[in-house]
Amino acid sequence: MRILFLILLLCLLPVAVVIQDLLPALPPSQERIQLLPVLFCFGALALPFIPALFFALATALIQGLVLLQFQSGHAEGGLAPAILFFFGWAIVLQISGEVTHGLRWELHALGSFLVTITMLGGEFLMICAKRGGLPVDMTLLTRLAVPSGVSLLLAPLLYLLLRSLVPISSEGTLTKNPAPFDL
């Protein structure tokens, strides 16, 4: 069952990228809705550790290739920062899933917000480091905050959709675990 779920998530990665590119930009500063981090957080929380790392690698490759830009004949970003970023977040999400005893919609929403804002902020900082300068203004903060807020709102919808498609067996073991502060 987990293999089928992993295959479903891997098939949804390019679909999420296509959908987020086809969605219209949001009005204030033409921000783009980010669906890939929302799907990544769900997969990282729902899958066991090794498949979650494989899913993080696949997500990093897709995100890295989407953002790969060439400036005067040289690649501006590369794939290594994306791989390290998604591996790091997969480990953090796996640990937080273990602490909270499984996949929860609140954890998925918060993780989606944090992954989106750190992904967009990290991409901005990498471009600033390559090109020089750090122009921070209200437009930049809006372009970071609005997609992150939208991912916070979209995460429960994606959670409910995917949760209904593929039941996750790890949440059925909540009653077997003793209360952590039971006296």
N, C-alpha and C. Protein backbone atom coordinates (compact mmCIF):
# COMPACT_ATOMS: atom_id res chain seq x y z
N MET A 1 0.83 -1.19 0.00
CA MET A 1 0.00 0.00 0.00
C MET A 1 0.87 1.26 0.00
N ARG A 2 1.96 1.23 0.75
CA ARG A 2 2.85 2.39 0.80
C ARG A 2 3.54 2.65 -0.54
N ILE A 3 3.86 1.58 -1.26
CA ILE A 3 4.51 1.74 -2.56
C ILE A 3 3.54 2.43 -3.54
N LEU A 4 2.29 2.01 -3.52
CA LEU A 4 1.31 2.65 -4.40
C LEU A 4 1.12 4.11 -4.02
N PHE A 5 1.14 4.38 -2.73
CA PHE A 5 1.00 5.76 -2.27
C PHE A 5 2.21 6.60 -2.71
N LEU A 6 3.41 6.04 -2.62
CA LEU A 6 4.61 6.74 -3.07
C LEU A 6 4.55 6.99 -4.58
N ILE A 7 4.10 6.00 -5.35
CA ILE A 7 3.98 6.18 -6.79
C ILE A 7 2.95 7.26 -7.12
N LEU A 8 1.83 7.27 -6.37
CA LEU A 8 0.82 8.31 -6.57
C LEU A 8 1.41 9.70 -6.29
N LEU A 9 2.15 9.83 -5.20
CA LEU A 9 2.75 11.12 -4.87
C LEU A 9 3.79 11.54 -5.91
N LEU A 10 4.59 10.58 -6.38
CA LEU A 10 5.58 10.90 -7.41
C LEU A 10 4.92 11.34 -8.71
N CYS A 11 3.77 10.74 -9.04
CA CYS A 11 3.05 11.17 -10.24
C CYS A 11 2.41 12.54 -10.06
N LEU A 12 2.06 12.88 -8.83
CA LEU A 12 1.44 14.18 -8.56
C LEU A 12 2.44 15.34 -8.56
N LEU A 13 3.73 15.05 -8.41
CA LEU A 13 4.74 16.13 -8.38
C LEU A 13 4.74 16.96 -9.67
N PRO A 14 4.90 16.34 -10.85
CA PRO A 14 4.87 17.18 -12.06
C PRO A 14 3.50 17.81 -12.30
N VAL A 15 2.44 17.12 -11.87
CA VAL A 15 1.10 17.69 -12.03
C VAL A 15 0.97 18.96 -11.19
N ALA A 16 1.52 18.93 -9.97
CA ALA A 16 1.47 20.11 -9.10
C ALA A 16 2.24 21.28 -9.71
N VAL A 17 3.37 20.99 -10.33
CA VAL A 17 4.16 22.06 -10.97
C VAL A 17 3.40 22.65 -12.15
N VAL A 18 2.78 21.81 -12.95
CA VAL A 18 2.02 22.30 -14.10
C VAL A 18 0.83 23.13 -13.63
N ILE A 19 0.11 22.64 -12.62
CA ILE A 19 -1.06 23.38 -12.13
C ILE A 19 -0.65 24.72 -11.53
N GLN A 20 0.45 24.74 -10.75
CA GLN A 20 0.85 26.02 -10.16
C GLN A 20 1.32 27.01 -11.21
N ASP A 21 1.83 26.52 -12.33
CA ASP A 21 2.21 27.44 -13.40
C ASP A 21 1.01 27.92 -14.21
N LEU A 22 -0.05 27.12 -14.26
CA LEU A 22 -1.23 27.51 -15.00
C LEU A 22 -2.19 28.40 -14.19
N LEU A 23 -2.07 28.37 -12.88
CA LEU A 23 -2.93 29.21 -12.04
C LEU A 23 -2.57 30.68 -12.24
N PRO A 24 -3.58 31.55 -12.21
CA PRO A 24 -3.27 32.98 -12.37
C PRO A 24 -2.52 33.53 -11.16
N ALA A 25 -1.78 34.59 -11.40
CA ALA A 25 -1.04 35.23 -10.31
C ALA A 25 -2.01 35.98 -9.41
N LEU A 26 -1.65 36.08 -8.13
CA LEU A 26 -2.49 36.80 -7.18
C LEU A 26 -2.30 38.30 -7.35
N PRO A 27 -3.35 39.10 -7.18
CA PRO A 27 -3.34 40.51 -7.56
C PRO A 27 -2.34 41.45 -6.87
N PRO A 28 -2.06 41.39 -5.59
CA PRO A 28 -1.27 42.50 -5.02
C PRO A 28 0.06 42.76 -5.73
N SER A 29 0.90 41.74 -5.82
CA SER A 29 2.21 41.93 -6.46
C SER A 29 2.51 40.82 -7.46
N GLN A 30 1.47 40.20 -8.00
CA GLN A 30 1.61 39.12 -8.97
C GLN A 30 2.34 37.91 -8.38
N GLU A 31 1.97 37.52 -7.15
CA GLU A 31 2.57 36.36 -6.51
C GLU A 31 2.05 35.08 -7.14
N ARG A 32 2.87 34.05 -7.15
CA ARG A 32 2.49 32.76 -7.69
C ARG A 32 2.12 31.82 -6.54
N ILE A 33 1.08 31.05 -6.73
CA ILE A 33 0.67 30.05 -5.74
C ILE A 33 1.63 28.87 -5.85
N GLN A 34 2.14 28.41 -4.71
CA GLN A 34 3.10 27.31 -4.66
C GLN A 34 2.40 26.04 -4.17
N LEU A 35 2.24 25.06 -5.05
CA LEU A 35 1.61 23.79 -4.68
C LEU A 35 2.63 22.70 -4.36
N LEU A 36 3.82 22.79 -4.92
CA LEU A 36 4.83 21.76 -4.72
C LEU A 36 5.23 21.62 -3.25
N PRO A 37 5.45 22.71 -2.49
CA PRO A 37 5.78 22.54 -1.07
C PRO A 37 4.65 21.90 -0.26
N VAL A 38 3.40 22.18 -0.64
CA VAL A 38 2.26 21.59 0.07
C VAL A 38 2.23 20.09 -0.15
N LEU A 39 2.43 19.65 -1.39
CA LEU A 39 2.47 18.23 -1.69
C LEU A 39 3.68 17.57 -1.04
N PHE A 40 4.81 18.25 -1.05
CA PHE A 40 6.01 17.71 -0.42
C PHE A 40 5.80 17.47 1.07
N CYS A 41 5.19 18.42 1.75
CA CYS A 41 4.98 18.26 3.20
C CYS A 41 4.06 17.08 3.49
N PHE A 42 3.03 16.91 2.68
CA PHE A 42 2.14 15.77 2.89
C PHE A 42 2.91 14.46 2.72
N GLY A 43 3.69 14.36 1.65
CA GLY A 43 4.45 13.14 1.41
C GLY A 43 5.50 12.89 2.48
N ALA A 44 6.17 13.94 2.93
CA ALA A 44 7.21 13.78 3.94
C ALA A 44 6.62 13.35 5.28
N LEU A 45 5.41 13.78 5.57
CA LEU A 45 4.77 13.39 6.83
C LEU A 45 4.10 12.03 6.74
N ALA A 46 3.58 11.67 5.59
CA ALA A 46 2.80 10.44 5.46
C ALA A 46 3.65 9.20 5.20
N LEU A 47 4.79 9.37 4.57
CA LEU A 47 5.62 8.22 4.21
C LEU A 47 6.58 7.85 5.33
N PRO A 48 7.03 6.59 5.36
CA PRO A 48 8.12 6.22 6.29
C PRO A 48 9.42 6.95 5.91
N PHE A 49 10.43 6.83 6.74
CA PHE A 49 11.63 7.66 6.62
C PHE A 49 12.33 7.52 5.27
N ILE A 50 12.68 6.31 4.86
CA ILE A 50 13.44 6.12 3.61
C ILE A 50 12.62 6.54 2.39
N PRO A 51 11.35 6.12 2.27
CA PRO A 51 10.57 6.64 1.14
C PRO A 51 10.38 8.16 1.19
N ALA A 52 10.31 8.73 2.39
CA ALA A 52 10.19 10.19 2.51
C ALA A 52 11.45 10.87 1.98
N LEU A 53 12.62 10.28 2.24
CA LEU A 53 13.85 10.86 1.70
C LEU A 53 13.90 10.72 0.17
N PHE A 54 13.42 9.59 -0.35
CA PHE A 54 13.36 9.42 -1.80
C PHE A 54 12.40 10.43 -2.41
N PHE A 55 11.26 10.65 -1.75
CA PHE A 55 10.30 11.64 -2.22
C PHE A 55 10.90 13.05 -2.16
N ALA A 56 11.70 13.32 -1.12
CA ALA A 56 12.38 14.61 -1.02
C ALA A 56 13.37 14.80 -2.16
N LEU A 57 14.07 13.73 -2.52
CA LEU A 57 15.01 13.80 -3.65
C LEU A 57 14.27 14.09 -4.96
N ALA A 58 13.16 13.41 -5.18
CA ALA A 58 12.37 13.64 -6.40
C ALA A 58 11.82 15.06 -6.43
N THR A 59 11.34 15.54 -5.28
CA THR A 59 10.83 16.91 -5.21
C THR A 59 11.93 17.92 -5.47
N ALA A 60 13.11 17.67 -4.91
CA ALA A 60 14.24 18.59 -5.10
C ALA A 60 14.67 18.61 -6.56
N LEU A 61 14.68 17.47 -7.22
CA LEU A 61 15.06 17.45 -8.63
C LEU A 61 14.06 18.23 -9.48
N ILE A 62 12.80 18.05 -9.22
CA ILE A 62 11.79 18.77 -10.00
C ILE A 62 11.87 20.27 -9.72
N GLN A 63 11.93 20.65 -8.44
CA GLN A 63 12.01 22.07 -8.09
C GLN A 63 13.31 22.69 -8.61
N GLY A 64 14.41 21.97 -8.50
CA GLY A 64 15.69 22.49 -8.99
C GLY A 64 15.70 22.68 -10.49
N LEU A 65 15.11 21.74 -11.22
CA LEU A 65 15.07 21.87 -12.68
C LEU A 65 14.11 22.97 -13.12
N VAL A 66 13.03 23.16 -12.37
CA VAL A 66 12.10 24.24 -12.72
C VAL A 66 12.76 25.60 -12.54
N LEU A 67 13.58 25.73 -11.50
CA LEU A 67 14.19 27.02 -11.19
C LEU A 67 15.56 27.22 -11.82
N LEU A 68 16.06 26.23 -12.53
CA LEU A 68 17.39 26.35 -13.12
C LEU A 68 17.40 27.44 -14.17
N GLN A 69 18.18 28.47 -13.92
CA GLN A 69 18.31 29.59 -14.85
C GLN A 69 19.78 29.76 -15.21
N PHE A 70 19.98 30.20 -16.42
CA PHE A 70 21.34 30.42 -16.89
C PHE A 70 21.58 31.92 -17.04
N GLN A 71 22.66 32.37 -16.44
CA GLN A 71 23.06 33.77 -16.51
C GLN A 71 24.44 33.80 -17.15
N SER A 72 24.55 34.36 -18.31
CA SER A 72 25.79 34.45 -19.09
C SER A 72 26.51 33.10 -19.21
N GLY A 73 25.74 32.08 -19.56
CA GLY A 73 26.32 30.78 -19.84
C GLY A 73 26.53 29.87 -18.66
N HIS A 74 26.25 30.32 -17.44
CA HIS A 74 26.46 29.50 -16.24
C HIS A 74 25.14 29.33 -15.51
N ALA A 75 24.97 28.15 -14.92
CA ALA A 75 23.76 27.89 -14.13
C ALA A 75 23.79 28.75 -12.87
N GLU A 76 22.67 29.41 -12.60
CA GLU A 76 22.64 30.33 -11.48
C GLU A 76 22.42 29.63 -10.14
N GLY A 77 21.62 28.59 -10.11
CA GLY A 77 21.30 27.96 -8.83
C GLY A 77 21.93 26.60 -8.67
N GLY A 78 21.57 25.67 -9.51
CA GLY A 78 22.05 24.30 -9.38
C GLY A 78 21.07 23.45 -8.60
N LEU A 79 21.36 22.16 -8.53
CA LEU A 79 20.47 21.23 -7.85
C LEU A 79 20.86 20.94 -6.41
N ALA A 80 22.12 21.13 -6.05
CA ALA A 80 22.57 20.78 -4.70
C ALA A 80 21.83 21.55 -3.61
N PRO A 81 21.63 22.86 -3.72
CA PRO A 81 20.89 23.55 -2.65
C PRO A 81 19.46 23.04 -2.50
N ALA A 82 18.80 22.72 -3.60
CA ALA A 82 17.43 22.19 -3.52
C ALA A 82 17.41 20.82 -2.86
N ILE A 83 18.38 19.98 -3.18
CA ILE A 83 18.44 18.65 -2.57
C ILE A 83 18.68 18.76 -1.07
N LEU A 84 19.63 19.59 -0.67
CA LEU A 84 19.90 19.76 0.77
C LEU A 84 18.69 20.36 1.48
N PHE A 85 18.03 21.31 0.84
CA PHE A 85 16.86 21.96 1.43
C PHE A 85 15.74 20.94 1.68
N PHE A 86 15.38 20.16 0.67
CA PHE A 86 14.27 19.22 0.82
C PHE A 86 14.64 18.03 1.70
N PHE A 87 15.90 17.59 1.68
CA PHE A 87 16.32 16.54 2.62
C PHE A 87 16.20 17.04 4.06
N GLY A 88 16.67 18.26 4.29
CA GLY A 88 16.59 18.82 5.65
C GLY A 88 15.15 18.93 6.13
N TRP A 89 14.27 19.43 5.27
CA TRP A 89 12.88 19.55 5.67
C TRP A 89 12.21 18.20 5.82
N ALA A 90 12.58 17.20 5.02
CA ALA A 90 12.01 15.86 5.17
C ALA A 90 12.38 15.28 6.53
N ILE A 91 13.61 15.48 6.95
CA ILE A 91 14.04 14.98 8.26
C ILE A 91 13.30 15.71 9.38
N VAL A 92 13.19 17.03 9.27
CA VAL A 92 12.46 17.81 10.29
C VAL A 92 11.00 17.38 10.36
N LEU A 93 10.36 17.19 9.20
CA LEU A 93 8.96 16.79 9.19
C LEU A 93 8.78 15.37 9.70
N GLN A 94 9.71 14.49 9.42
CA GLN A 94 9.64 13.13 9.95
C GLN A 94 9.75 13.14 11.48
N ILE A 95 10.67 13.94 12.01
CA ILE A 95 10.82 14.03 13.46
C ILE A 95 9.57 14.62 14.09
N SER A 96 9.02 15.67 13.49
CA SER A 96 7.81 16.27 14.06
C SER A 96 6.62 15.32 13.93
N GLY A 97 6.56 14.51 12.89
CA GLY A 97 5.52 13.50 12.78
C GLY A 97 5.63 12.44 13.86
N GLU A 98 6.87 12.08 14.19
CA GLU A 98 7.07 11.10 15.28
C GLU A 98 6.68 11.69 16.63
N VAL A 99 7.01 12.95 16.84
CA VAL A 99 6.69 13.60 18.12
C VAL A 99 5.18 13.71 18.31
N THR A 100 4.45 14.01 17.23
CA THR A 100 3.00 14.19 17.33
C THR A 100 2.24 12.89 17.06
N HIS A 101 2.94 11.77 16.97
CA HIS A 101 2.34 10.44 16.79
C HIS A 101 1.55 10.31 15.50
N GLY A 102 2.13 10.74 14.39
CA GLY A 102 1.51 10.53 13.08
C GLY A 102 1.20 11.81 12.34
N LEU A 103 0.53 11.61 11.23
CA LEU A 103 0.19 12.72 10.34
C LEU A 103 -1.04 13.44 10.87
N ARG A 104 -0.92 14.74 10.98
CA ARG A 104 -2.04 15.58 11.44
C ARG A 104 -2.18 16.74 10.46
N TRP A 105 -3.40 17.20 10.26
CA TRP A 105 -3.62 18.27 9.29
C TRP A 105 -2.99 19.57 9.76
N GLU A 106 -2.95 19.80 11.08
CA GLU A 106 -2.34 21.03 11.59
C GLU A 106 -0.85 21.06 11.31
N LEU A 107 -0.22 19.92 11.50
CA LEU A 107 1.22 19.82 11.24
C LEU A 107 1.50 19.98 9.75
N HIS A 108 0.63 19.42 8.91
CA HIS A 108 0.79 19.57 7.47
C HIS A 108 0.65 21.03 7.05
N ALA A 109 -0.33 21.73 7.61
CA ALA A 109 -0.54 23.14 7.25
C ALA A 109 0.64 24.00 7.71
N LEU A 110 1.07 23.82 8.95
CA LEU A 110 2.21 24.59 9.46
C LEU A 110 3.49 24.27 8.68
N GLY A 111 3.70 22.98 8.40
CA GLY A 111 4.88 22.59 7.62
C GLY A 111 4.86 23.17 6.22
N SER A 112 3.68 23.20 5.60
CA SER A 112 3.56 23.78 4.26
C SER A 112 3.91 25.26 4.27
N PHE A 113 3.43 25.97 5.28
CA PHE A 113 3.74 27.39 5.41
C PHE A 113 5.25 27.60 5.58
N LEU A 114 5.85 26.84 6.50
CA LEU A 114 7.28 27.03 6.77
C LEU A 114 8.16 26.62 5.60
N VAL A 115 7.83 25.52 4.94
CA VAL A 115 8.62 25.09 3.79
C VAL A 115 8.50 26.11 2.66
N THR A 116 7.30 26.63 2.43
CA THR A 116 7.12 27.60 1.34
C THR A 116 7.88 28.88 1.61
N ILE A 117 7.77 29.41 2.82
CA ILE A 117 8.43 30.69 3.11
C ILE A 117 9.95 30.54 3.13
N THR A 118 10.46 29.41 3.63
CA THR A 118 11.91 29.22 3.62
C THR A 118 12.42 28.91 2.21
N MET A 119 11.60 28.22 1.40
CA MET A 119 12.01 27.94 0.02
C MET A 119 12.11 29.23 -0.79
N LEU A 120 11.06 30.06 -0.71
CA LEU A 120 11.08 31.32 -1.46
C LEU A 120 12.15 32.27 -0.93
N GLY A 121 12.30 32.35 0.39
CA GLY A 121 13.33 33.20 0.97
C GLY A 121 14.73 32.72 0.63
N GLY A 122 14.93 31.40 0.63
CA GLY A 122 16.24 30.85 0.27
C GLY A 122 16.58 31.09 -1.19
N GLU A 123 15.58 30.95 -2.07
CA GLU A 123 15.81 31.24 -3.48
C GLU A 123 16.19 32.70 -3.68
N PHE A 124 15.51 33.60 -2.97
CA PHE A 124 15.82 35.03 -3.07
C PHE A 124 17.24 35.31 -2.57
N LEU A 125 17.60 34.72 -1.44
CA LEU A 125 18.95 34.95 -0.90
C LEU A 125 20.04 34.39 -1.80
N MET A 126 19.77 33.24 -2.44
CA MET A 126 20.77 32.67 -3.35
C MET A 126 20.96 33.56 -4.57
N ILE A 127 19.87 34.09 -5.10
CA ILE A 127 19.99 34.99 -6.26
C ILE A 127 20.70 36.27 -5.85
N CYS A 128 20.39 36.79 -4.66
CA CYS A 128 21.08 38.00 -4.19
C CYS A 128 22.56 37.75 -3.98
N ALA A 129 22.92 36.58 -3.48
CA ALA A 129 24.34 36.27 -3.27
C ALA A 129 25.08 36.16 -4.60
N LYS A 130 24.43 35.59 -5.61
CA LYS A 130 25.07 35.46 -6.93
C LYS A 130 25.21 36.80 -7.64
N ARG A 131 24.16 37.62 -7.54
CA ARG A 131 24.15 38.88 -8.29
C ARG A 131 24.65 40.06 -7.49
N GLY A 132 24.74 39.92 -6.19
CA GLY A 132 25.18 41.02 -5.34
C GLY A 132 24.01 41.91 -4.94
N GLY A 133 24.04 42.39 -3.73
CA GLY A 133 22.97 43.27 -3.24
C GLY A 133 21.88 42.50 -2.52
N LEU A 134 21.14 43.22 -1.70
CA LEU A 134 20.04 42.63 -0.94
C LEU A 134 18.89 43.63 -0.86
N PRO A 135 18.12 43.75 -1.95
CA PRO A 135 17.04 44.74 -1.96
C PRO A 135 15.80 44.23 -1.22
N VAL A 136 15.62 44.66 0.02
CA VAL A 136 14.46 44.24 0.81
C VAL A 136 13.49 45.42 0.89
N ASP A 137 12.28 45.20 0.39
CA ASP A 137 11.23 46.20 0.48
C ASP A 137 9.90 45.50 0.73
N MET A 138 8.84 46.27 0.77
CA MET A 138 7.52 45.71 1.07
C MET A 138 7.04 44.75 -0.03
N THR A 139 7.41 44.99 -1.26
CA THR A 139 7.02 44.10 -2.35
C THR A 139 7.64 42.72 -2.16
N LEU A 140 8.89 42.67 -1.76
CA LEU A 140 9.55 41.40 -1.52
C LEU A 140 8.87 40.65 -0.38
N LEU A 141 8.59 41.35 0.71
CA LEU A 141 7.94 40.70 1.84
C LEU A 141 6.55 40.19 1.46
N THR A 142 5.86 40.92 0.61
CA THR A 142 4.55 40.47 0.13
C THR A 142 4.69 39.24 -0.74
N ARG A 143 5.72 39.22 -1.58
CA ARG A 143 5.94 38.08 -2.47
C ARG A 143 6.37 36.83 -1.72
N LEU A 144 6.88 37.00 -0.50
CA LEU A 144 7.21 35.85 0.35
C LEU A 144 6.00 35.43 1.20
N ALA A 145 5.29 36.39 1.75
CA ALA A 145 4.23 36.09 2.72
C ALA A 145 2.95 35.58 2.06
N VAL A 146 2.56 36.14 0.94
CA VAL A 146 1.28 35.76 0.33
C VAL A 146 1.28 34.31 -0.16
N PRO A 147 2.28 33.84 -0.92
CA PRO A 147 2.25 32.42 -1.30
C PRO A 147 2.34 31.48 -0.10
N SER A 148 3.07 31.90 0.93
CA SER A 148 3.16 31.07 2.13
C SER A 148 1.83 31.00 2.85
N GLY A 149 1.13 32.13 2.92
CA GLY A 149 -0.19 32.13 3.53
C GLY A 149 -1.19 31.31 2.73
N VAL A 150 -1.11 31.38 1.41
CA VAL A 150 -2.00 30.58 0.57
C VAL A 150 -1.70 29.09 0.75
N SER A 151 -0.42 28.72 0.88
CA SER A 151 -0.10 27.31 1.10
C SER A 151 -0.61 26.84 2.47
N LEU A 152 -0.62 27.73 3.44
CA LEU A 152 -1.20 27.41 4.75
C LEU A 152 -2.69 27.12 4.62
N LEU A 153 -3.37 27.85 3.75
CA LEU A 153 -4.81 27.64 3.55
C LEU A 153 -5.11 26.45 2.64
N LEU A 154 -4.25 26.16 1.68
CA LEU A 154 -4.47 25.05 0.76
C LEU A 154 -4.10 23.70 1.36
N ALA A 155 -3.23 23.69 2.35
CA ALA A 155 -2.75 22.43 2.92
C ALA A 155 -3.87 21.57 3.49
N PRO A 156 -4.83 22.11 4.26
CA PRO A 156 -5.92 21.23 4.74
C PRO A 156 -6.77 20.64 3.61
N LEU A 157 -6.96 21.40 2.53
CA LEU A 157 -7.73 20.87 1.41
C LEU A 157 -7.01 19.70 0.75
N LEU A 158 -5.71 19.84 0.51
CA LEU A 158 -4.94 18.75 -0.07
C LEU A 158 -4.88 17.56 0.87
N TYR A 159 -4.75 17.85 2.17
CA TYR A 159 -4.73 16.79 3.17
C TYR A 159 -6.02 15.97 3.10
N LEU A 160 -7.17 16.63 3.07
CA LEU A 160 -8.44 15.91 3.03
C LEU A 160 -8.61 15.14 1.73
N LEU A 161 -8.15 15.71 0.63
CA LEU A 161 -8.25 15.02 -0.66
C LEU A 161 -7.39 13.77 -0.69
N LEU A 162 -6.13 13.88 -0.31
CA LEU A 162 -5.23 12.73 -0.36
C LEU A 162 -5.53 11.74 0.75
N ARG A 163 -5.99 12.22 1.87
CA ARG A 163 -6.33 11.33 2.99
C ARG A 163 -7.50 10.44 2.60
N SER A 164 -8.43 10.96 1.82
CA SER A 164 -9.57 10.15 1.40
C SER A 164 -9.19 9.17 0.29
N LEU A 165 -8.19 9.50 -0.51
CA LEU A 165 -7.76 8.59 -1.58
C LEU A 165 -6.97 7.41 -1.05
N VAL A 166 -6.05 7.67 -0.14
CA VAL A 166 -5.17 6.62 0.37
C VAL A 166 -5.20 6.66 1.89
N PRO A 167 -5.79 5.66 2.53
CA PRO A 167 -5.78 5.65 3.99
C PRO A 167 -4.37 5.42 4.51
N ILE A 168 -4.04 6.11 5.58
CA ILE A 168 -2.71 6.01 6.18
C ILE A 168 -2.83 5.16 7.43
N SER A 169 -2.16 4.03 7.45
CA SER A 169 -2.34 3.07 8.53
C SER A 169 -1.63 3.47 9.81
N SER A 170 -0.69 4.41 9.76
CA SER A 170 0.08 4.75 10.95
C SER A 170 -0.75 5.49 11.99
N GLU A 171 -1.85 6.12 11.59
CA GLU A 171 -2.66 6.83 12.58
C GLU A 171 -3.54 5.89 13.38
N GLY A 172 -3.73 4.69 12.92
CA GLY A 172 -4.54 3.73 13.66
C GLY A 172 -3.87 3.22 14.90
N THR A 173 -2.59 3.50 15.10
CA THR A 173 -1.86 3.00 16.25
C THR A 173 -1.82 3.99 17.39
N LEU A 174 -2.61 5.05 17.34
CA LEU A 174 -2.56 6.06 18.39
C LEU A 174 -3.02 5.50 19.73
N THR A 175 -3.96 4.58 19.74
CA THR A 175 -4.46 4.06 21.01
C THR A 175 -3.48 3.12 21.67
N LYS A 176 -2.54 2.55 20.93
CA LYS A 176 -1.55 1.64 21.50
C LYS A 176 -0.44 2.40 22.22
N ASN A 177 -0.22 3.64 21.85
CA ASN A 177 0.85 4.42 22.48
C ASN A 177 0.36 4.97 23.80
N PRO A 178 1.14 4.80 24.88
CA PRO A 178 0.71 5.37 26.16
C PRO A 178 0.85 6.89 26.12
N ALA A 179 0.14 7.54 26.99
CA ALA A 179 0.23 8.99 27.09
C ALA A 179 1.63 9.37 27.53
N PRO A 180 2.25 10.38 26.89
CA PRO A 180 3.64 10.69 27.21
C PRO A 180 3.84 11.21 28.63
N PHE A 181 2.84 11.80 29.22
CA PHE A 181 3.00 12.37 30.57
C PHE A 181 2.09 11.66 31.57
N ASP A 182 1.84 10.37 31.34
CA ASP A 182 0.95 9.61 32.22
C ASP A 182 1.66 9.33 33.54
N LEU A 183 1.01 9.67 34.63
CA LEU A 183 1.62 9.43 35.96
C LEU A 183 0.98 8.27 36.64
